[in-house]
Structures are given as C-alpha cells and as structure tokens.
Amino acid sequence: MANIKSKQKRVLTNEKSRQRNKSVRSAVRTEIRKFHAAVETGDKAAAEKQLRVASRALDKSVSKGVFHRNAAANKKSGLATAFNKMD
C-alpha cells in the first residue's frame, strides 16, 4: 500500500470503481447473452424486446464510463444486424 495519503485514497476509490464497472459490464453481457438466446430460438418478439433492453443497458454503461461510446455502438450494431437477419 502507498505511503502518501492521497494515493491511499486513490487505491480505495479505484477498487470501488473497479467493482462497480465489473458489475455493470457483467449485467450488460448478460443482457446480450439473453438476446442471442432469443435469436437462437427464433422468437422474433422476444428478441426485439431483448434488443431494446440490451441497447439500453449498453447506453447506460457508456454514461457510467464502463464502455467507450464507439465500442457500445459497434455492439449495438451487431445486435441489430443479428436481429435483422432473423427470418
């Protein structure tokens, strides 16, 4: 652990941020996984609903600084493409 007081505080806040980011990232990945599962089953209504949920989760993660906005846009684009390829 650091000896300087400000650095000790930074170590603690960095750990809090890491835990928060990990939680948000995991939640986003779960929503994306649910979307892909809905696409696999071929249920277009469920896939459309889950696409909205996953897109919203990605947008929220960008506002929290977990994902870069371009990375989230690329993920959303891939989800939309997968949805549009459904029968």
PDB file of N, CA and C in Angstrom:
ATOM      1  N   MET A   1       0.848  -1.187   0.000  1.00  0.00           N
ATOM      2  CA  MET A   1       0.000   0.000   0.000  1.00  0.00           C
ATOM      3  C   MET A   1       0.889   1.244   0.000  1.00  0.00           C
ATOM      4  N   ALA A   2       0.370   2.299  -0.612  1.00  0.00           N
ATOM      5  CA  ALA A   2       1.129   3.548  -0.731  1.00  0.00           C
ATOM      6  C   ALA A   2       1.274   4.225   0.628  1.00  0.00           C
ATOM      7  N   ASN A   3       2.292   5.073   0.730  1.00  0.00           N
ATOM      8  CA  ASN A   3       2.528   5.812   1.963  1.00  0.00           C
ATOM      9  C   ASN A   3       1.878   7.189   1.956  1.00  0.00           C
ATOM     10  N   ILE A   4       1.657   7.733   0.788  1.00  0.00           N
ATOM     11  CA  ILE A   4       1.084   9.072   0.668  1.00  0.00           C
ATOM     12  C   ILE A   4      -0.427   8.980   0.824  1.00  0.00           C
ATOM     13  N   LYS A   5      -0.988   9.883   1.630  1.00  0.00           N
ATOM     14  CA  LYS A   5      -2.400   9.808   1.980  1.00  0.00           C
ATOM     15  C   LYS A   5      -3.311   9.880   0.752  1.00  0.00           C
ATOM     16  N   SER A   6      -3.012  10.772  -0.171  1.00  0.00           N
ATOM     17  CA  SER A   6      -3.855  10.906  -1.370  1.00  0.00           C
ATOM     18  C   SER A   6      -3.807   9.637  -2.216  1.00  0.00           C
ATOM     19  N   LYS A   7      -2.663   9.005  -2.252  1.00  0.00           N
ATOM     20  CA  LYS A   7      -2.537   7.757  -3.016  1.00  0.00           C
ATOM     21  C   LYS A   7      -3.288   6.615  -2.331  1.00  0.00           C
ATOM     22  N   GLN A   8      -3.288   6.620  -0.995  1.00  0.00           N
ATOM     23  CA  GLN A   8      -4.063   5.615  -0.267  1.00  0.00           C
ATOM     24  C   GLN A   8      -5.547   5.761  -0.594  1.00  0.00           C
ATOM     25  N   LYS A   9      -6.007   7.010  -0.657  1.00  0.00           N
ATOM     26  CA  LYS A   9      -7.414   7.264  -1.013  1.00  0.00           C
ATOM     27  C   LYS A   9      -7.695   6.804  -2.442  1.00  0.00           C
ATOM     28  N   ARG A  10      -6.753   7.082  -3.364  1.00  0.00           N
ATOM     29  CA  ARG A  10      -6.939   6.682  -4.754  1.00  0.00           C
ATOM     30  C   ARG A  10      -7.035   5.172  -4.884  1.00  0.00           C
ATOM     31  N   VAL A  11      -6.241   4.442  -4.107  1.00  0.00           N
ATOM     32  CA  VAL A  11      -6.278   2.981  -4.140  1.00  0.00           C
ATOM     33  C   VAL A  11      -7.680   2.497  -3.754  1.00  0.00           C
ATOM     34  N   LEU A  12      -8.253   3.108  -2.730  1.00  0.00           N
ATOM     35  CA  LEU A  12      -9.586   2.715  -2.274  1.00  0.00           C
ATOM     36  C   LEU A  12     -10.655   3.071  -3.306  1.00  0.00           C
ATOM     37  N   THR A  13     -10.594   4.288  -3.854  1.00  0.00           N
ATOM     38  CA  THR A  13     -11.614   4.688  -4.832  1.00  0.00           C
ATOM     39  C   THR A  13     -11.478   3.893  -6.126  1.00  0.00           C
ATOM     40  N   ASN A  14     -10.239   3.577  -6.512  1.00  0.00           N
ATOM     41  CA  ASN A  14     -10.043   2.767  -7.716  1.00  0.00           C
ATOM     42  C   ASN A  14     -10.660   1.383  -7.553  1.00  0.00           C
ATOM     43  N   GLU A  15     -10.535   0.821  -6.370  1.00  0.00           N
ATOM     44  CA  GLU A  15     -11.120  -0.507  -6.120  1.00  0.00           C
ATOM     45  C   GLU A  15     -12.642  -0.449  -6.180  1.00  0.00           C
ATOM     46  N   LYS A  16     -13.225   0.616  -5.608  1.00  0.00           N
ATOM     47  CA  LYS A  16     -14.682   0.782  -5.685  1.00  0.00           C
ATOM     48  C   LYS A  16     -15.134   0.896  -7.135  1.00  0.00           C
ATOM     49  N   SER A  17     -14.405   1.691  -7.917  1.00  0.00           N
ATOM     50  CA  SER A  17     -14.741   1.865  -9.332  1.00  0.00           C
ATOM     51  C   SER A  17     -14.612   0.552 -10.082  1.00  0.00           C
ATOM     52  N   ARG A  18     -13.569  -0.197  -9.773  1.00  0.00           N
ATOM     53  CA  ARG A  18     -13.355  -1.481 -10.447  1.00  0.00           C
ATOM     54  C   ARG A  18     -14.510  -2.435 -10.185  1.00  0.00           C
ATOM     55  N   GLN A  19     -14.942  -2.493  -8.932  1.00  0.00           N
ATOM     56  CA  GLN A  19     -16.064  -3.372  -8.577  1.00  0.00           C
ATOM     57  C   GLN A  19     -17.350  -2.937  -9.271  1.00  0.00           C
ATOM     58  N   ARG A  20     -17.597  -1.619  -9.295  1.00  0.00           N
ATOM     59  CA  ARG A  20     -18.800  -1.083  -9.940  1.00  0.00           C
ATOM     60  C   ARG A  20     -18.777  -1.380 -11.431  1.00  0.00           C
ATOM     61  N   ASN A  21     -17.631  -1.127 -12.062  1.00  0.00           N
ATOM     62  CA  ASN A  21     -17.505  -1.374 -13.502  1.00  0.00           C
ATOM     63  C   ASN A  21     -17.693  -2.847 -13.829  1.00  0.00           C
ATOM     64  N   LYS A  22     -17.139  -3.710 -12.984  1.00  0.00           N
ATOM     65  CA  LYS A  22     -17.264  -5.156 -13.179  1.00  0.00           C
ATOM     66  C   LYS A  22     -18.725  -5.578 -13.138  1.00  0.00           C
ATOM     67  N   SER A  23     -19.473  -5.018 -12.204  1.00  0.00           N
ATOM     68  CA  SER A  23     -20.889  -5.339 -12.062  1.00  0.00           C
ATOM     69  C   SER A  23     -21.681  -4.890 -13.285  1.00  0.00           C
ATOM     70  N   VAL A  24     -21.437  -3.655 -13.724  1.00  0.00           N
ATOM     71  CA  VAL A  24     -22.158  -3.117 -14.882  1.00  0.00           C
ATOM     72  C   VAL A  24     -21.815  -3.912 -16.132  1.00  0.00           C
ATOM     73  N   ARG A  25     -20.521  -4.198 -16.327  1.00  0.00           N
ATOM     74  CA  ARG A  25     -20.081  -4.949 -17.506  1.00  0.00           C
ATOM     75  C   ARG A  25     -20.718  -6.333 -17.535  1.00  0.00           C
ATOM     76  N   SER A  26     -20.788  -6.972 -16.382  1.00  0.00           N
ATOM     77  CA  SER A  26     -21.391  -8.299 -16.284  1.00  0.00           C
ATOM     78  C   SER A  26     -22.875  -8.244 -16.628  1.00  0.00           C
ATOM     79  N   ALA A  27     -23.569  -7.216 -16.140  1.00  0.00           N
ATOM     80  CA  ALA A  27     -25.004  -7.076 -16.411  1.00  0.00           C
ATOM     81  C   ALA A  27     -25.256  -6.863 -17.903  1.00  0.00           C
ATOM     82  N   VAL A  28     -24.418  -6.066 -18.539  1.00  0.00           N
ATOM     83  CA  VAL A  28     -24.567  -5.816 -19.977  1.00  0.00           C
ATOM     84  C   VAL A  28     -24.339  -7.106 -20.762  1.00  0.00           C
ATOM     85  N   ARG A  29     -23.303  -7.835 -20.389  1.00  0.00           N
ATOM     86  CA  ARG A  29     -23.013  -9.098 -21.082  1.00  0.00           C
ATOM     87  C   ARG A  29     -24.157 -10.092 -20.918  1.00  0.00           C
ATOM     88  N   THR A  30     -24.781 -10.100 -19.751  1.00  0.00           N
ATOM     89  CA  THR A  30     -25.912 -11.000 -19.509  1.00  0.00           C
ATOM     90  C   THR A  30     -27.068 -10.655 -20.434  1.00  0.00           C
ATOM     91  N   GLU A  31     -27.360  -9.350 -20.579  1.00  0.00           N
ATOM     92  CA  GLU A  31     -28.450  -8.931 -21.462  1.00  0.00           C
ATOM     93  C   GLU A  31     -28.150  -9.299 -22.911  1.00  0.00           C
ATOM     94  N   ILE A  32     -26.903  -9.143 -23.320  1.00  0.00           N
ATOM     95  CA  ILE A  32     -26.515  -9.503 -24.694  1.00  0.00           C
ATOM     96  C   ILE A  32     -26.662 -11.004 -24.892  1.00  0.00           C
ATOM     97  N   ARG A  33     -26.270 -11.783 -23.876  1.00  0.00           N
ATOM     98  CA  ARG A  33     -26.392 -13.237 -23.948  1.00  0.00           C
ATOM     99  C   ARG A  33     -27.866 -13.649 -24.064  1.00  0.00           C
ATOM    100  N   LYS A  34     -28.734 -12.984 -23.310  1.00  0.00           N
ATOM    101  CA  LYS A  34     -30.183 -13.273 -23.391  1.00  0.00           C
ATOM    102  C   LYS A  34     -30.713 -12.967 -24.777  1.00  0.00           C
ATOM    103  N   PHE A  35     -30.218 -11.879 -25.389  1.00  0.00           N
ATOM    104  CA  PHE A  35     -30.650 -11.534 -26.744  1.00  0.00           C
ATOM    105  C   PHE A  35     -30.250 -12.632 -27.723  1.00  0.00           C
ATOM    106  N   HIS A  36     -29.003 -13.072 -27.644  1.00  0.00           N
ATOM    107  CA  HIS A  36     -28.538 -14.113 -28.556  1.00  0.00           C
ATOM    108  C   HIS A  36     -29.319 -15.414 -28.354  1.00  0.00           C
ATOM    109  N   ALA A  37     -29.705 -15.699 -27.114  1.00  0.00           N
ATOM    110  CA  ALA A  37     -30.509 -16.892 -26.851  1.00  0.00           C
ATOM    111  C   ALA A  37     -31.879 -16.764 -27.515  1.00  0.00           C
ATOM    112  N   ALA A  38     -32.466 -15.566 -27.454  1.00  0.00           N
ATOM    113  CA  ALA A  38     -33.776 -15.347 -28.085  1.00  0.00           C
ATOM    114  C   ALA A  38     -33.667 -15.472 -29.606  1.00  0.00           C
ATOM    115  N   VAL A  39     -32.563 -15.005 -30.169  1.00  0.00           N
ATOM    116  CA  VAL A  39     -32.349 -15.124 -31.616  1.00  0.00           C
ATOM    117  C   VAL A  39     -32.207 -16.594 -32.002  1.00  0.00           C
ATOM    118  N   GLU A  40     -31.477 -17.351 -31.173  1.00  0.00           N
ATOM    119  CA  GLU A  40     -31.276 -18.781 -31.445  1.00  0.00           C
ATOM    120  C   GLU A  40     -32.603 -19.540 -31.474  1.00  0.00           C
ATOM    121  N   THR A  41     -33.515 -19.200 -30.568  1.00  0.00           N
ATOM    122  CA  THR A  41     -34.803 -19.890 -30.527  1.00  0.00           C
ATOM    123  C   THR A  41     -35.713 -19.462 -31.661  1.00  0.00           C
ATOM    124  N   GLY A  42     -35.426 -18.308 -32.271  1.00  0.00           N
ATOM    125  CA  GLY A  42     -36.226 -17.848 -33.394  1.00  0.00           C
ATOM    126  C   GLY A  42     -37.451 -17.054 -32.981  1.00  0.00           C
ATOM    127  N   ASP A  43     -37.546 -16.684 -31.721  1.00  0.00           N
ATOM    128  CA  ASP A  43     -38.682 -15.913 -31.223  1.00  0.00           C
ATOM    129  C   ASP A  43     -38.435 -14.428 -31.491  1.00  0.00           C
ATOM    130  N   LYS A  44     -39.037 -13.920 -32.570  1.00  0.00           N
ATOM    131  CA  LYS A  44     -38.755 -12.553 -33.008  1.00  0.00           C
ATOM    132  C   LYS A  44     -39.257 -11.510 -32.012  1.00  0.00           C
ATOM    133  N   ALA A  45     -40.414 -11.736 -31.412  1.00  0.00           N
ATOM    134  CA  ALA A  45     -40.963 -10.771 -30.448  1.00  0.00           C
ATOM    135  C   ALA A  45     -40.060 -10.661 -29.215  1.00  0.00           C
ATOM    136  N   ALA A  46     -39.639 -11.815 -28.710  1.00  0.00           N
ATOM    137  CA  ALA A  46     -38.763 -11.812 -27.535  1.00  0.00           C
ATOM    138  C   ALA A  46     -37.408 -11.200 -27.876  1.00  0.00           C
ATOM    139  N   ALA A  47     -36.920 -11.487 -29.080  1.00  0.00           N
ATOM    140  CA  ALA A  47     -35.632 -10.938 -29.498  1.00  0.00           C
ATOM    141  C   ALA A  47     -35.708  -9.419 -29.615  1.00  0.00           C
ATOM    142  N   GLU A  48     -36.829  -8.921 -30.151  1.00  0.00           N
ATOM    143  CA  GLU A  48     -36.984  -7.463 -30.287  1.00  0.00           C
ATOM    144  C   GLU A  48     -37.020  -6.788 -28.921  1.00  0.00           C
ATOM    145  N   LYS A  49     -37.742  -7.399 -27.994  1.00  0.00           N
ATOM    146  CA  LYS A  49     -37.820  -6.851 -26.638  1.00  0.00           C
ATOM    147  C   LYS A  49     -36.445  -6.865 -25.974  1.00  0.00           C
ATOM    148  N   GLN A  50     -35.733  -7.974 -26.127  1.00  0.00           N
ATOM    149  CA  GLN A  50     -34.416  -8.097 -25.508  1.00  0.00           C
ATOM    150  C   GLN A  50     -33.395  -7.189 -26.184  1.00  0.00           C
ATOM    151  N   LEU A  51     -33.584  -6.926 -27.479  1.00  0.00           N
ATOM    152  CA  LEU A  51     -32.703  -5.993 -28.189  1.00  0.00           C
ATOM    153  C   LEU A  51     -32.802  -4.610 -27.564  1.00  0.00           C
ATOM    154  N   ARG A  52     -34.028  -4.180 -27.244  1.00  0.00           N
ATOM    155  CA  ARG A  52     -34.222  -2.881 -26.598  1.00  0.00           C
ATOM    156  C   ARG A  52     -33.555  -2.852 -25.228  1.00  0.00           C
ATOM    157  N   VAL A  53     -33.728  -3.922 -24.471  1.00  0.00           N
ATOM    158  CA  VAL A  53     -33.145  -3.992 -23.128  1.00  0.00           C
ATOM    159  C   VAL A  53     -31.620  -3.944 -23.201  1.00  0.00           C
ATOM    160  N   ALA A  54     -31.047  -4.716 -24.117  1.00  0.00           N
ATOM    161  CA  ALA A  54     -29.588  -4.764 -24.251  1.00  0.00           C
ATOM    162  C   ALA A  54     -29.035  -3.421 -24.730  1.00  0.00           C
ATOM    163  N   SER A  55     -29.719  -2.789 -25.674  1.00  0.00           N
ATOM    164  CA  SER A  55     -29.274  -1.488 -26.174  1.00  0.00           C
ATOM    165  C   SER A  55     -29.310  -0.442 -25.072  1.00  0.00           C
ATOM    166  N   ARG A  56     -30.356  -0.482 -24.288  1.00  0.00           N
ATOM    167  CA  ARG A  56     -30.479   0.476 -23.177  1.00  0.00           C
ATOM    168  C   ARG A  56     -29.366   0.238 -22.151  1.00  0.00           C
ATOM    169  N   ALA A  57     -29.083  -1.019 -21.867  1.00  0.00           N
ATOM    170  CA  ALA A  57     -28.012  -1.344 -20.917  1.00  0.00           C
ATOM    171  C   ALA A  57     -26.665  -0.847 -21.438  1.00  0.00           C
ATOM    172  N   LEU A  58     -26.432  -1.002 -22.725  1.00  0.00           N
ATOM    173  CA  LEU A  58     -25.183  -0.511 -23.314  1.00  0.00           C
ATOM    174  C   LEU A  58     -25.098   1.011 -23.205  1.00  0.00           C
ATOM    175  N   ASP A  59     -26.213   1.695 -23.488  1.00  0.00           N
ATOM    176  CA  ASP A  59     -26.217   3.161 -23.397  1.00  0.00           C
ATOM    177  C   ASP A  59     -25.941   3.625 -21.973  1.00  0.00           C
ATOM    178  N   LYS A  60     -26.538   2.949 -21.010  1.00  0.00           N
ATOM    179  CA  LYS A  60     -26.307   3.309 -19.609  1.00  0.00           C
ATOM    180  C   LYS A  60     -24.861   3.067 -19.215  1.00  0.00           C
ATOM    181  N   SER A  61     -24.279   1.978 -19.701  1.00  0.00           N
ATOM    182  CA  SER A  61     -22.889   1.682 -19.357  1.00  0.00           C
ATOM    183  C   SER A  61     -21.945   2.732 -19.941  1.00  0.00           C
ATOM    184  N   VAL A  62     -22.303   3.289 -21.100  1.00  0.00           N
ATOM    185  CA  VAL A  62     -21.495   4.355 -21.692  1.00  0.00           C
ATOM    186  C   VAL A  62     -21.558   5.592 -20.809  1.00  0.00           C
ATOM    187  N   SER A  63     -22.753   5.927 -20.328  1.00  0.00           N
ATOM    188  CA  SER A  63     -22.895   7.123 -19.491  1.00  0.00           C
ATOM    189  C   SER A  63     -22.155   6.962 -18.164  1.00  0.00           C
ATOM    190  N   LYS A  64     -21.970   5.713 -17.726  1.00  0.00           N
ATOM    191  CA  LYS A  64     -21.226   5.456 -16.486  1.00  0.00           C
ATOM    192  C   LYS A  64     -19.731   5.308 -16.733  1.00  0.00           C
ATOM    193  N   GLY A  65     -19.338   5.345 -18.007  1.00  0.00           N
ATOM    194  CA  GLY A  65     -17.918   5.283 -18.334  1.00  0.00           C
ATOM    195  C   GLY A  65     -17.341   3.882 -18.347  1.00  0.00           C
ATOM    196  N   VAL A  66     -18.188   2.872 -18.430  1.00  0.00           N
ATOM    197  CA  VAL A  66     -17.701   1.490 -18.423  1.00  0.00           C
ATOM    198  C   VAL A  66     -17.245   1.088 -19.826  1.00  0.00           C
ATOM    199  N   PHE A  67     -18.060   1.385 -20.833  1.00  0.00           N
ATOM    200  CA  PHE A  67     -17.718   1.124 -22.223  1.00  0.00           C
ATOM    201  C   PHE A  67     -17.508   2.443 -22.948  1.00  0.00           C
ATOM    202  N   HIS A  68     -16.606   2.447 -23.927  1.00  0.00           N
ATOM    203  CA  HIS A  68     -16.446   3.608 -24.794  1.00  0.00           C
ATOM    204  C   HIS A  68     -17.663   3.684 -25.708  1.00  0.00           C
ATOM    205  N   ARG A  69     -18.062   4.899 -26.076  1.00  0.00           N
ATOM    206  CA  ARG A  69     -19.292   5.053 -26.862  1.00  0.00           C
ATOM    207  C   ARG A  69     -19.208   4.362 -28.215  1.00  0.00           C
ATOM    208  N   ASN A  70     -18.033   4.353 -28.838  1.00  0.00           N
ATOM    209  CA  ASN A  70     -17.904   3.675 -30.128  1.00  0.00           C
ATOM    210  C   ASN A  70     -17.970   2.157 -29.974  1.00  0.00           C
ATOM    211  N   ALA A  71     -17.414   1.638 -28.884  1.00  0.00           N
ATOM    212  CA  ALA A  71     -17.471   0.193 -28.628  1.00  0.00           C
ATOM    213  C   ALA A  71     -18.923  -0.237 -28.425  1.00  0.00           C
ATOM    214  N   ALA A  72     -19.670   0.567 -27.680  1.00  0.00           N
ATOM    215  CA  ALA A  72     -21.083   0.260 -27.445  1.00  0.00           C
ATOM    216  C   ALA A  72     -21.866   0.353 -28.747  1.00  0.00           C
ATOM    217  N   ALA A  73     -21.551   1.346 -29.577  1.00  0.00           N
ATOM    218  CA  ALA A  73     -22.234   1.497 -30.867  1.00  0.00           C
ATOM    219  C   ALA A  73     -21.975   0.286 -31.751  1.00  0.00           C
ATOM    220  N   ASN A  74     -20.740  -0.206 -31.734  1.00  0.00           N
ATOM    221  CA  ASN A  74     -20.407  -1.399 -32.527  1.00  0.00           C
ATOM    222  C   ASN A  74     -21.179  -2.614 -32.026  1.00  0.00           C
ATOM    223  N   LYS A  75     -21.285  -2.753 -30.704  1.00  0.00           N
ATOM    224  CA  LYS A  75     -22.030  -3.880 -30.135  1.00  0.00           C
ATOM    225  C   LYS A  75     -23.514  -3.787 -30.510  1.00  0.00           C
ATOM    226  N   LYS A  76     -24.080  -2.577 -30.396  1.00  0.00           N
ATOM    227  CA  LYS A  76     -25.489  -2.377 -30.739  1.00  0.00           C
ATOM    228  C   LYS A  76     -25.744  -2.659 -32.215  1.00  0.00           C
ATOM    229  N   SER A  77     -24.801  -2.256 -33.048  1.00  0.00           N
ATOM    230  CA  SER A  77     -24.922  -2.507 -34.476  1.00  0.00           C
ATOM    231  C   SER A  77     -24.923  -4.009 -34.767  1.00  0.00           C
ATOM    232  N   GLY A  78     -24.056  -4.737 -34.081  1.00  0.00           N
ATOM    233  CA  GLY A  78     -24.016  -6.189 -34.255  1.00  0.00           C
ATOM    234  C   GLY A  78     -25.298  -6.860 -33.807  1.00  0.00           C
ATOM    235  N   LEU A  79     -25.863  -6.359 -32.703  1.00  0.00           N
ATOM    236  CA  LEU A  79     -27.134  -6.906 -32.220  1.00  0.00           C
ATOM    237  C   LEU A  79     -28.254  -6.635 -33.230  1.00  0.00           C
ATOM    238  N   ALA A  80     -28.292  -5.413 -33.753  1.00  0.00           N
ATOM    239  CA  ALA A  80     -29.321  -5.049 -34.734  1.00  0.00           C
ATOM    240  C   ALA A  80     -29.188  -5.886 -36.001  1.00  0.00           C
ATOM    241  N   THR A  81     -27.947  -6.120 -36.416  1.00  0.00           N
ATOM    242  CA  THR A  81     -27.715  -6.952 -37.609  1.00  0.00           C
ATOM    243  C   THR A  81     -28.203  -8.376 -37.380  1.00  0.00           C
ATOM    244  N   ALA A  82     -27.905  -8.916 -36.203  1.00  0.00           N
ATOM    245  CA  ALA A  82     -28.361 -10.277 -35.881  1.00  0.00           C
ATOM    246  C   ALA A  82     -29.888 -10.340 -35.863  1.00  0.00           C
ATOM    247  N   PHE A  83     -30.510  -9.278 -35.329  1.00  0.00           N
ATOM    248  CA  PHE A  83     -31.973  -9.246 -35.289  1.00  0.00           C
ATOM    249  C   PHE A  83     -32.557  -9.173 -36.709  1.00  0.00           C
ATOM    250  N   ASN A  84     -31.953  -8.344 -37.549  1.00  0.00           N
ATOM    251  CA  ASN A  84     -32.470  -8.176 -38.915  1.00  0.00           C
ATOM    252  C   ASN A  84     -32.275  -9.417 -39.771  1.00  0.00           C
ATOM    253  N   LYS A  85     -31.319 -10.261 -39.420  1.00  0.00           N
ATOM    254  CA  LYS A  85     -31.071 -11.492 -40.172  1.00  0.00           C
ATOM    255  C   LYS A  85     -32.059 -12.600 -39.811  1.00  0.00           C
ATOM    256  N   MET A  86     -32.857 -12.370 -38.751  1.00  0.00           N
ATOM    257  CA  MET A  86     -33.835 -13.388 -38.364  1.00  0.00           C
ATOM    258  C   MET A  86     -34.886 -13.529 -39.468  1.00  0.00           C
ATOM    259  N   ASP A  87     -35.471 -14.715 -39.588  1.00  0.00           N
ATOM    260  CA  ASP A  87     -36.474 -14.965 -40.624  1.00  0.00           C
ATOM    261  C   ASP A  87     -37.708 -14.130 -40.454  1.00  0.00           C
TER     262      ASP A  87
END
